[in-house]
Amino acid sequence: MAVMLPEKAITYDAVVTSEAKEHAKTWSADIMITSGIMKGKTVKAFFLKKNTSPPLPTLRLHATSTMTMPQRKPGETFDYGKYLLRHGTSATTFIPPWKCRLNGFGTEELPVVTAVTAKLRLIRLMLIKQIGGWGMDADTESLIAGVAMGQKSSISPTLRNAYSQAGAAHVLALSGLHLGIIWAVLGVFCIGRWRTPFTMLMISTIWAYVLFAAMPPSAVRAAIMLTLMSVATLTGRQGASLNTLAFAAIAILLFSPSSIYDLGFQLSFTAVAFIVVFTNPVMNLLPLQWRIAHPWATRLVSMITVSSVANLGTLPLVALHFSRIPIYIIATNLVAIPLITVLLWMFAISMFIMAAGSPAILLTPITAILNITAKALNSSMTAIASLPCSSISIHISAMQAVILYIAIISLLWAATIIAGNKHERKIT
């Protein structure tokens, strides 16, 4: 929401709350103002890059600058100003180095959640710096930082474009896919009398990982959904249900109403809704006897079905916002998901070894596997992106997106009716 901004330059104290992003001549970072007439407001601040280090989270500063309303840049179709306003940024400002004094590090003046997030982001940057000592190339390091810790700002535009064309852009940021992989692996042990305590351990692990990654919004959404679904299952209710999904959406929107405008929010909830509603009916198109006789093939078909249903559910949104549709997305997921699983667990093991202060000789083979896995993921996504017609350009309006959704839902609904009819005939 827009706020009234002072017409002249103001003097204020502030704390940096986000990682710095590099531009041609400046660094940009979010700051929260802690004194003066704009106290409590979040501002997108720009710092001159020449002879200046990137501002770190929790850095305190005393500055004088002019606040301006976030606006769309000339010649750009994406309204960046509206995006900032919807996500709680009240203004933008350029802080000249001669009008800025650094006051060390601290978060005492910040709200609790903002302070915790800023500290976690600082810790994440320190860990990423340690990864830089593992002797990997830049693309490999940036991929590990993005996939394992949600820090994707250092990923090169070339690599980012390759993942987008291959239909794997979602793996570059910590999201429901990553938490789902961790959840699925831990869920193997969640059986018998150990079901309840292990489920609670799984919930704790998921939230610890989200905190470790500095609470990116996409991961917080996924953690809330997994927590609600697991609690529903423990209490004898259907875990993966539309009611649970709706409750998760309402809980997030009550805490952060601006999330409704976030494309990640729209994509994640749409994908999960389609998975919940349509996956089982589509799987029921396969004869029950065949599924029982071929369990491993059934698992493969199930994974393909989940991926296909989720991608169909997000297809109109992707076409509307990105004007591009990846073609080989099923093949992409079949390659990417196993590699991401290995990458996440090798990274988790490496972090445990470092935290335990174990000898470096134990870390070497783990980082070697991590390096090989990350390079294989980069190479495979680049190869898929280079295939003929890896993606097609398409420009649709909001109304056309609605019509496309009606067509997709009608198609999937027809499949559920066919599956239901087949099931009724077998019973009778």
Protein backbone atom coordinates (compact mmCIF):
# COMPACT_ATOMS: atom_id res chain seq x y z
CA MET A 1 0.00 0.00 0.00
CA ALA A 2 1.34 3.44 -0.94
CA VAL A 3 2.24 5.82 1.89
CA MET A 4 2.76 9.56 1.99
CA LEU A 5 6.46 10.25 1.51
CA PRO A 6 8.35 13.35 2.64
CA GLU A 7 9.14 15.74 -0.22
CA LYS A 8 12.66 16.56 0.98
CA ALA A 9 15.60 14.44 2.09
CA ILE A 10 15.28 13.03 5.59
CA THR A 11 17.79 11.80 8.16
CA TYR A 12 17.18 8.44 9.77
CA ASP A 13 18.64 5.29 11.30
CA ALA A 14 18.08 1.96 9.57
CA VAL A 15 19.08 -1.70 9.55
CA VAL A 16 19.76 -3.77 6.43
CA THR A 17 17.36 -6.74 6.41
CA SER A 18 18.19 -8.58 3.17
CA GLU A 19 21.12 -9.80 1.11
CA ALA A 20 22.57 -7.28 -1.33
CA LYS A 21 21.83 -7.61 -5.03
CA GLU A 22 24.46 -6.49 -7.51
CA HIS A 23 23.65 -4.09 -10.36
CA ALA A 24 25.84 -2.38 -12.93
CA LYS A 25 26.86 0.52 -10.67
CA THR A 26 25.04 -0.11 -7.39
CA TRP A 27 24.12 -2.60 -4.70
CA SER A 28 20.50 -2.82 -3.64
CA ALA A 29 19.12 -4.16 -0.37
CA ASP A 30 16.05 -3.84 1.82
CA ILE A 31 16.40 -1.66 4.89
CA MET A 32 13.98 -1.05 7.74
CA ILE A 33 13.97 2.49 9.08
CA THR A 34 14.18 2.61 12.88
CA SER A 35 13.90 6.34 13.59
CA GLY A 36 12.28 9.47 12.24
CA ILE A 37 9.00 10.05 10.43
CA MET A 38 9.26 6.80 8.43
CA LYS A 39 10.05 4.57 11.39
CA GLY A 40 8.98 0.97 10.81
CA LYS A 41 8.84 1.30 7.00
CA THR A 42 10.73 -0.99 4.62
CA VAL A 43 12.68 0.76 1.87
CA LYS A 44 14.59 -0.56 -1.15
CA ALA A 45 17.96 1.20 -0.79
CA PHE A 46 20.64 1.57 -3.46
CA PHE A 47 24.32 2.00 -2.56
CA LEU A 48 27.10 3.11 -4.90
CA LYS A 49 29.13 0.01 -5.76
CA LYS A 50 32.43 1.74 -6.51
CA ASN A 51 34.81 1.29 -3.56
CA THR A 52 31.91 -0.06 -1.46
CA SER A 53 31.40 -3.58 -0.14
CA PRO A 54 27.93 -5.13 -0.43
CA PRO A 55 25.84 -4.22 2.64
CA LEU A 56 25.30 -7.26 4.86
CA PRO A 57 22.08 -8.14 6.72
CA THR A 58 21.88 -6.64 10.25
CA LEU A 59 24.21 -3.75 9.24
CA ARG A 60 23.14 -0.56 11.03
CA LEU A 61 23.47 2.81 9.35
CA HIS A 62 22.70 6.48 9.86
CA ALA A 63 21.89 8.19 6.57
CA THR A 64 20.31 11.14 4.83
CA SER A 65 18.50 10.56 1.52
CA THR A 66 15.38 11.31 -0.50
CA MET A 67 12.52 8.82 -0.56
CA THR A 68 10.75 8.17 -3.86
CA MET A 69 7.65 6.18 -4.73
CA PRO A 70 8.40 2.79 -6.38
CA GLN A 71 7.52 3.09 -10.06
CA ARG A 72 7.64 1.05 -13.27
CA LYS A 73 10.87 1.62 -15.19
CA PRO A 74 10.46 3.22 -18.64
CA GLY A 75 10.18 0.67 -21.44
CA GLU A 76 9.55 -2.33 -19.14
CA THR A 77 6.33 -4.35 -19.22
CA PHE A 78 6.74 -5.67 -15.65
CA ASP A 79 5.53 -3.14 -13.11
CA TYR A 80 8.35 -3.42 -10.58
CA GLY A 81 7.02 -0.47 -8.59
CA LYS A 82 3.65 -2.13 -8.03
CA TYR A 83 5.46 -5.37 -7.12
CA LEU A 84 7.45 -3.58 -4.39
CA LEU A 85 4.38 -1.85 -3.00
CA ARG A 86 2.42 -5.11 -2.85
CA HIS A 87 5.28 -6.75 -0.95
CA GLY A 88 5.48 -4.10 1.73
CA THR A 89 8.19 -1.81 0.33
CA SER A 90 7.11 1.78 0.95
CA ALA A 91 9.80 3.64 -1.02
CA THR A 92 13.08 3.47 -2.88
CA THR A 93 16.12 5.61 -2.13
CA PHE A 94 19.71 6.15 -3.23
CA ILE A 95 22.09 6.58 -0.28
CA PRO A 96 25.28 8.49 -1.23
CA PRO A 97 28.35 7.21 0.62
CA TRP A 98 29.13 10.72 1.89
CA LYS A 99 25.70 10.86 3.57
CA CYS A 100 25.87 7.46 5.23
CA ARG A 101 27.60 6.43 8.46
CA LEU A 102 27.88 2.76 9.44
CA ASN A 103 27.09 1.89 13.07
CA GLY A 104 28.13 -1.75 13.33
CA PHE A 105 25.72 -4.68 13.38
CA GLY A 106 22.58 -5.21 15.43
CA THR A 107 18.86 -5.89 15.28
CA GLU A 108 17.59 -4.58 18.62
CA GLU A 109 15.25 -2.03 17.02
CA LEU A 110 13.65 -4.49 14.58
CA PRO A 111 10.47 -6.54 15.07
CA VAL A 112 11.22 -10.09 16.23
CA VAL A 113 10.45 -11.87 12.94
CA THR A 114 12.37 -9.31 10.88
CA ALA A 115 15.34 -9.49 13.27
CA VAL A 116 15.47 -13.30 13.21
CA THR A 117 15.21 -13.38 9.42
CA ALA A 118 18.00 -10.82 9.01
CA LYS A 119 20.32 -12.77 11.34
CA LEU A 120 19.59 -16.01 9.50
CA ARG A 121 20.36 -14.36 6.19
CA LEU A 122 23.71 -13.21 7.55
CA ILE A 123 24.48 -16.78 8.69
CA ARG A 124 23.48 -18.07 5.26
CA LEU A 125 25.91 -15.68 3.56
CA MET A 126 28.69 -16.92 5.86
CA LEU A 127 27.90 -20.52 4.91
CA ILE A 128 27.88 -19.66 1.22
CA LYS A 129 31.32 -18.11 1.70
CA GLN A 130 32.50 -21.41 3.20
CA ILE A 131 31.16 -23.28 0.17
CA GLY A 132 33.44 -21.05 -1.90
CA GLY A 133 36.37 -22.82 -0.25
CA TRP A 134 35.35 -26.23 -1.55
CA GLY A 135 37.06 -25.64 -4.90
CA MET A 136 33.97 -25.73 -7.13
CA ASP A 137 33.30 -23.59 -10.19
CA ALA A 138 31.00 -20.57 -10.00
CA ASP A 139 27.96 -22.23 -11.59
CA THR A 140 28.21 -25.22 -9.26
CA GLU A 141 28.55 -23.05 -6.15
CA SER A 142 25.63 -20.82 -7.15
CA LEU A 143 23.43 -23.85 -7.87
CA ILE A 144 24.13 -25.40 -4.45
CA ALA A 145 23.46 -22.06 -2.75
CA GLY A 146 20.19 -21.70 -4.65
CA VAL A 147 18.88 -25.24 -4.34
CA ALA A 148 19.99 -25.96 -0.78
CA MET A 149 19.70 -22.52 0.83
CA GLY A 150 17.35 -20.50 -1.37
CA GLN A 151 20.07 -17.98 -2.32
CA LYS A 152 19.66 -17.78 -6.09
CA SER A 153 20.84 -14.21 -6.71
CA SER A 154 24.33 -15.35 -7.76
CA ILE A 155 23.07 -17.79 -10.42
CA SER A 156 24.18 -16.54 -13.84
CA PRO A 157 21.52 -15.35 -16.32
CA THR A 158 22.68 -18.02 -18.81
CA LEU A 159 22.18 -20.86 -16.34
CA ARG A 160 18.91 -19.40 -15.11
CA ASN A 161 17.62 -19.21 -18.69
CA ALA A 162 18.64 -22.84 -19.33
CA TYR A 163 16.66 -24.03 -16.30
CA SER A 164 13.69 -21.92 -17.38
CA GLN A 165 13.68 -23.35 -20.91
CA ALA A 166 14.01 -26.88 -19.56
CA GLY A 167 11.05 -26.32 -17.24
CA ALA A 168 13.14 -26.55 -14.08
CA ALA A 169 13.10 -22.94 -12.90
CA HIS A 170 11.30 -24.08 -9.72
CA VAL A 171 14.34 -26.06 -8.54
CA LEU A 172 16.53 -22.94 -8.30
CA ALA A 173 14.65 -21.56 -5.31
CA LEU A 174 13.90 -23.34 -2.07
CA SER A 175 10.26 -24.39 -2.35
CA GLY A 176 7.71 -27.14 -1.78
CA LEU A 177 9.64 -29.50 -4.07
CA HIS A 178 12.71 -29.41 -1.82
CA LEU A 179 10.78 -29.79 1.43
CA GLY A 180 8.71 -32.55 -0.17
CA ILE A 181 11.87 -34.49 -1.03
CA ILE A 182 13.16 -34.21 2.55
CA TRP A 183 9.71 -35.15 3.86
CA ALA A 184 9.44 -38.19 1.59
CA VAL A 185 12.84 -39.55 2.63
CA LEU A 186 12.12 -39.08 6.35
CA GLY A 187 8.63 -40.52 5.89
CA VAL A 188 10.09 -43.95 5.12
CA PHE A 189 10.74 -44.35 8.86
CA CYS A 190 7.33 -43.03 9.90
CA ILE A 191 5.61 -46.38 10.50
CA GLY A 192 4.08 -48.44 13.30
CA ARG A 193 4.23 -47.25 16.87
CA TRP A 194 6.92 -44.75 15.94
CA ARG A 195 4.56 -42.93 13.61
CA THR A 196 3.56 -40.07 15.92
CA PRO A 197 7.00 -39.22 17.39
CA PHE A 198 8.63 -39.52 13.98
CA THR A 199 6.02 -37.25 12.42
CA MET A 200 6.74 -34.63 15.08
CA LEU A 201 10.47 -35.05 14.37
CA MET A 202 9.76 -34.57 10.65
CA ILE A 203 7.82 -31.36 11.34
CA SER A 204 10.65 -30.07 13.53
CA THR A 205 13.23 -30.94 10.87
CA ILE A 206 11.28 -29.18 8.14
CA TRP A 207 10.92 -25.98 10.17
CA ALA A 208 14.56 -26.09 11.25
CA TYR A 209 15.54 -26.28 7.58
CA VAL A 210 13.24 -23.37 6.70
CA LEU A 211 14.82 -21.29 9.46
CA PHE A 212 18.29 -22.33 8.31
CA ALA A 213 17.44 -21.05 4.81
CA ALA A 214 16.33 -17.66 6.23
CA MET A 215 12.60 -18.35 5.84
CA PRO A 216 12.01 -17.75 2.12
CA PRO A 217 8.25 -17.26 1.52
CA SER A 218 7.92 -20.27 -0.79
CA ALA A 219 9.47 -22.58 1.81
CA VAL A 220 7.34 -21.14 4.62
CA ARG A 221 4.22 -21.84 2.55
CA ALA A 222 5.31 -25.42 1.95
CA ALA A 223 6.21 -25.96 5.62
CA ILE A 224 2.81 -24.68 6.77
CA MET A 225 1.04 -26.98 4.31
CA LEU A 226 3.10 -30.03 5.31
CA THR A 227 2.56 -29.30 9.00
CA LEU A 228 -1.20 -28.95 8.65
CA MET A 229 -1.50 -32.04 6.47
CA SER A 230 0.58 -34.19 8.84
CA VAL A 231 -1.38 -33.00 11.91
CA ALA A 232 -4.63 -33.77 10.07
CA THR A 233 -3.37 -37.28 9.30
CA LEU A 234 -2.35 -37.89 12.92
CA THR A 235 -5.81 -36.85 14.11
CA GLY A 236 -7.53 -39.28 11.78
CA ARG A 237 -8.49 -36.80 9.08
CA GLN A 238 -7.56 -36.72 5.43
CA GLY A 239 -4.19 -35.00 5.27
CA ALA A 240 -4.05 -34.07 1.59
CA SER A 241 -7.46 -32.41 1.30
CA LEU A 242 -8.80 -29.19 -0.13
CA ASN A 243 -9.92 -28.16 3.37
CA THR A 244 -6.37 -28.45 4.68
CA LEU A 245 -5.05 -26.60 1.65
CA ALA A 246 -7.61 -23.81 2.12
CA PHE A 247 -6.75 -23.52 5.81
CA ALA A 248 -3.06 -23.18 4.94
CA ALA A 249 -3.83 -20.45 2.39
CA ILE A 250 -5.99 -18.54 4.88
CA ALA A 251 -3.30 -18.81 7.59
CA ILE A 252 -0.66 -17.39 5.25
CA LEU A 253 -2.90 -14.58 4.00
CA LEU A 254 -3.86 -13.56 7.54
CA PHE A 255 -0.17 -13.17 8.37
CA SER A 256 0.84 -11.71 4.99
CA PRO A 257 -2.11 -10.45 2.89
CA SER A 258 0.23 -9.29 0.10
CA SER A 259 1.09 -12.93 -0.62
CA ILE A 260 -2.07 -13.16 -2.73
CA TYR A 261 -0.21 -11.15 -5.40
CA ASP A 262 2.89 -13.35 -5.20
CA LEU A 263 3.19 -15.58 -8.27
CA GLY A 264 4.91 -18.23 -6.14
CA PHE A 265 1.88 -18.34 -3.84
CA GLN A 266 -0.48 -18.72 -6.81
CA LEU A 267 1.63 -21.40 -8.50
CA SER A 268 2.23 -23.50 -5.38
CA PHE A 269 -1.39 -23.60 -4.20
CA THR A 270 -2.74 -24.17 -7.70
CA ALA A 271 -0.31 -27.05 -8.25
CA VAL A 272 -1.17 -28.70 -4.92
CA ALA A 273 -4.91 -28.24 -5.50
CA PHE A 274 -4.68 -30.01 -8.86
CA ILE A 275 -2.58 -32.80 -7.33
CA VAL A 276 -5.06 -33.33 -4.47
CA VAL A 277 -8.13 -33.35 -6.72
CA PHE A 278 -6.96 -35.14 -9.84
CA THR A 279 -3.97 -37.42 -9.16
CA ASN A 280 -5.88 -40.42 -7.75
CA PRO A 281 -8.66 -40.35 -10.37
CA VAL A 282 -6.09 -40.24 -13.18
CA MET A 283 -4.13 -43.10 -11.58
CA ASN A 284 -7.39 -45.09 -11.34
CA LEU A 285 -7.45 -45.20 -15.14
CA LEU A 286 -4.83 -47.95 -14.78
CA PRO A 287 -6.28 -51.39 -13.96
CA LEU A 288 -5.93 -52.27 -10.27
CA GLN A 289 -4.51 -55.70 -11.08
CA TRP A 290 -1.75 -54.13 -13.18
CA ARG A 291 -0.84 -51.70 -10.40
CA ILE A 292 -0.61 -54.53 -7.88
CA ALA A 293 1.44 -56.71 -10.22
CA HIS A 294 3.88 -53.92 -11.18
CA PRO A 295 4.58 -51.84 -8.03
CA TRP A 296 7.78 -50.21 -9.31
CA ALA A 297 6.22 -49.28 -12.63
CA THR A 298 3.23 -47.92 -10.72
CA ARG A 299 5.52 -45.68 -8.67
CA LEU A 300 7.12 -44.35 -11.84
CA VAL A 301 3.72 -43.72 -13.43
CA SER A 302 2.54 -42.08 -10.20
CA MET A 303 5.51 -39.67 -10.21
CA ILE A 304 4.86 -38.82 -13.86
CA THR A 305 1.16 -38.33 -13.12
CA VAL A 306 1.80 -36.00 -10.18
CA SER A 307 4.24 -33.97 -12.27
CA SER A 308 1.87 -33.83 -15.24
CA VAL A 309 -1.18 -32.85 -13.17
CA ALA A 310 0.77 -30.14 -11.32
CA ASN A 311 2.17 -28.74 -14.57
CA LEU A 312 -1.27 -28.73 -16.19
CA GLY A 313 -2.57 -26.84 -13.18
CA THR A 314 0.10 -24.14 -13.46
CA LEU A 315 0.26 -24.03 -17.27
CA PRO A 316 -2.13 -21.06 -17.75
CA LEU A 317 -0.37 -19.03 -15.04
CA VAL A 318 3.06 -19.78 -16.51
CA ALA A 319 1.89 -18.82 -20.00
CA LEU A 320 0.24 -15.64 -18.68
CA HIS A 321 3.23 -14.38 -16.67
CA PHE A 322 6.23 -15.76 -18.59
CA SER A 323 4.83 -16.03 -22.14
CA ARG A 324 6.77 -19.28 -22.54
CA ILE A 325 5.88 -22.95 -22.04
CA PRO A 326 8.55 -25.68 -21.61
CA ILE A 327 7.89 -28.80 -23.68
CA TYR A 328 10.09 -31.47 -22.09
CA ILE A 329 9.02 -30.78 -18.52
CA ILE A 330 8.20 -34.41 -17.67
CA ALA A 331 11.64 -35.58 -18.81
CA THR A 332 13.13 -32.66 -16.89
CA ASN A 333 11.48 -33.73 -13.63
CA LEU A 334 12.49 -37.37 -14.10
CA VAL A 335 16.11 -36.24 -14.33
CA ALA A 336 16.08 -33.33 -11.90
CA ILE A 337 14.22 -34.80 -8.91
CA PRO A 338 16.63 -37.72 -8.25
CA LEU A 339 19.65 -35.41 -8.64
CA ILE A 340 18.13 -32.79 -6.34
CA THR A 341 17.42 -35.51 -3.76
CA VAL A 342 21.09 -36.54 -3.74
CA LEU A 343 22.24 -32.91 -3.70
CA LEU A 344 20.05 -31.95 -0.73
CA TRP A 345 21.09 -34.90 1.39
CA MET A 346 24.80 -34.56 0.57
CA PHE A 347 24.55 -30.90 1.52
CA ALA A 348 22.78 -31.77 4.78
CA ILE A 349 25.48 -34.31 5.63
CA SER A 350 28.22 -31.78 4.85
CA MET A 351 26.59 -29.21 7.14
CA PHE A 352 26.34 -31.81 9.93
CA ILE A 353 30.03 -32.70 9.54
CA MET A 354 31.02 -29.04 9.68
CA ALA A 355 28.80 -28.32 12.69
CA ALA A 356 30.18 -31.35 14.55
CA GLY A 357 33.75 -30.19 13.97
CA SER A 358 34.65 -33.53 12.39
CA PRO A 359 37.96 -33.98 10.53
CA ALA A 360 38.12 -32.45 7.07
CA ILE A 361 38.87 -35.87 5.59
CA LEU A 362 35.24 -36.85 6.25
CA LEU A 363 34.00 -33.80 4.38
CA THR A 364 36.07 -34.37 1.22
CA PRO A 365 34.14 -37.34 -0.25
CA ILE A 366 30.79 -35.70 0.54
CA THR A 367 31.70 -32.45 -1.20
CA ALA A 368 33.05 -34.48 -4.14
CA ILE A 369 29.67 -36.21 -4.55
CA LEU A 370 27.96 -32.85 -4.11
CA ASN A 371 30.14 -31.33 -6.83
CA ILE A 372 29.48 -34.19 -9.26
CA THR A 373 25.73 -34.09 -8.61
CA ALA A 374 25.46 -30.32 -9.07
CA LYS A 375 27.47 -30.45 -12.30
CA ALA A 376 25.32 -33.31 -13.60
CA LEU A 377 22.18 -31.29 -12.83
CA ASN A 378 23.53 -28.21 -14.61
CA SER A 379 24.69 -30.23 -17.61
CA SER A 380 21.42 -32.16 -17.96
CA MET A 381 19.24 -29.05 -17.73
CA THR A 382 21.46 -27.24 -20.24
CA ALA A 383 21.24 -30.25 -22.59
CA ILE A 384 17.42 -30.41 -22.33
CA ALA A 385 17.17 -26.66 -22.91
CA SER A 386 19.26 -27.02 -26.09
CA LEU A 387 16.93 -29.65 -27.60
CA PRO A 388 14.81 -28.58 -30.58
CA CYS A 389 11.61 -26.79 -29.54
CA SER A 390 12.52 -27.05 -25.84
CA SER A 391 10.03 -24.28 -25.19
CA ILE A 392 7.49 -22.33 -27.16
CA SER A 393 6.55 -18.69 -26.89
CA ILE A 394 2.91 -17.96 -26.23
CA HIS A 395 1.19 -14.72 -25.27
CA ILE A 396 -2.21 -14.96 -23.64
CA SER A 397 -4.48 -12.55 -21.79
CA ALA A 398 -6.04 -13.08 -18.37
CA MET A 399 -9.36 -14.04 -20.01
CA GLN A 400 -7.61 -16.57 -22.25
CA ALA A 401 -5.92 -18.01 -19.15
CA VAL A 402 -9.36 -18.48 -17.55
CA ILE A 403 -10.65 -20.22 -20.69
CA LEU A 404 -7.57 -22.46 -20.72
CA TYR A 405 -8.24 -23.40 -17.08
CA ILE A 406 -11.83 -24.32 -17.95
CA ALA A 407 -10.57 -26.57 -20.75
CA ILE A 408 -7.93 -28.27 -18.57
CA ILE A 409 -10.31 -28.84 -15.65
CA SER A 410 -12.95 -30.21 -18.04
CA LEU A 411 -10.41 -32.64 -19.51
CA LEU A 412 -9.25 -33.86 -16.11
CA TRP A 413 -12.80 -34.02 -14.81
CA ALA A 414 -13.75 -36.22 -17.76
CA ALA A 415 -10.89 -38.52 -16.81
CA THR A 416 -12.23 -38.79 -13.24
CA ILE A 417 -15.69 -39.70 -14.56
CA ILE A 418 -14.21 -42.39 -16.81
CA ALA A 419 -12.22 -43.79 -13.88
CA GLY A 420 -15.33 -43.77 -11.68
CA ASN A 421 -17.42 -45.56 -14.28
CA LYS A 422 -14.74 -48.23 -14.71
CA HIS A 423 -14.60 -48.75 -10.96
CA GLU A 424 -18.41 -49.07 -10.68
CA ARG A 425 -18.56 -51.63 -13.50
CA LYS A 426 -15.93 -53.80 -11.78
CA ILE A 427 -17.82 -53.69 -8.48
CA THR A 428 -21.11 -54.71 -10.10
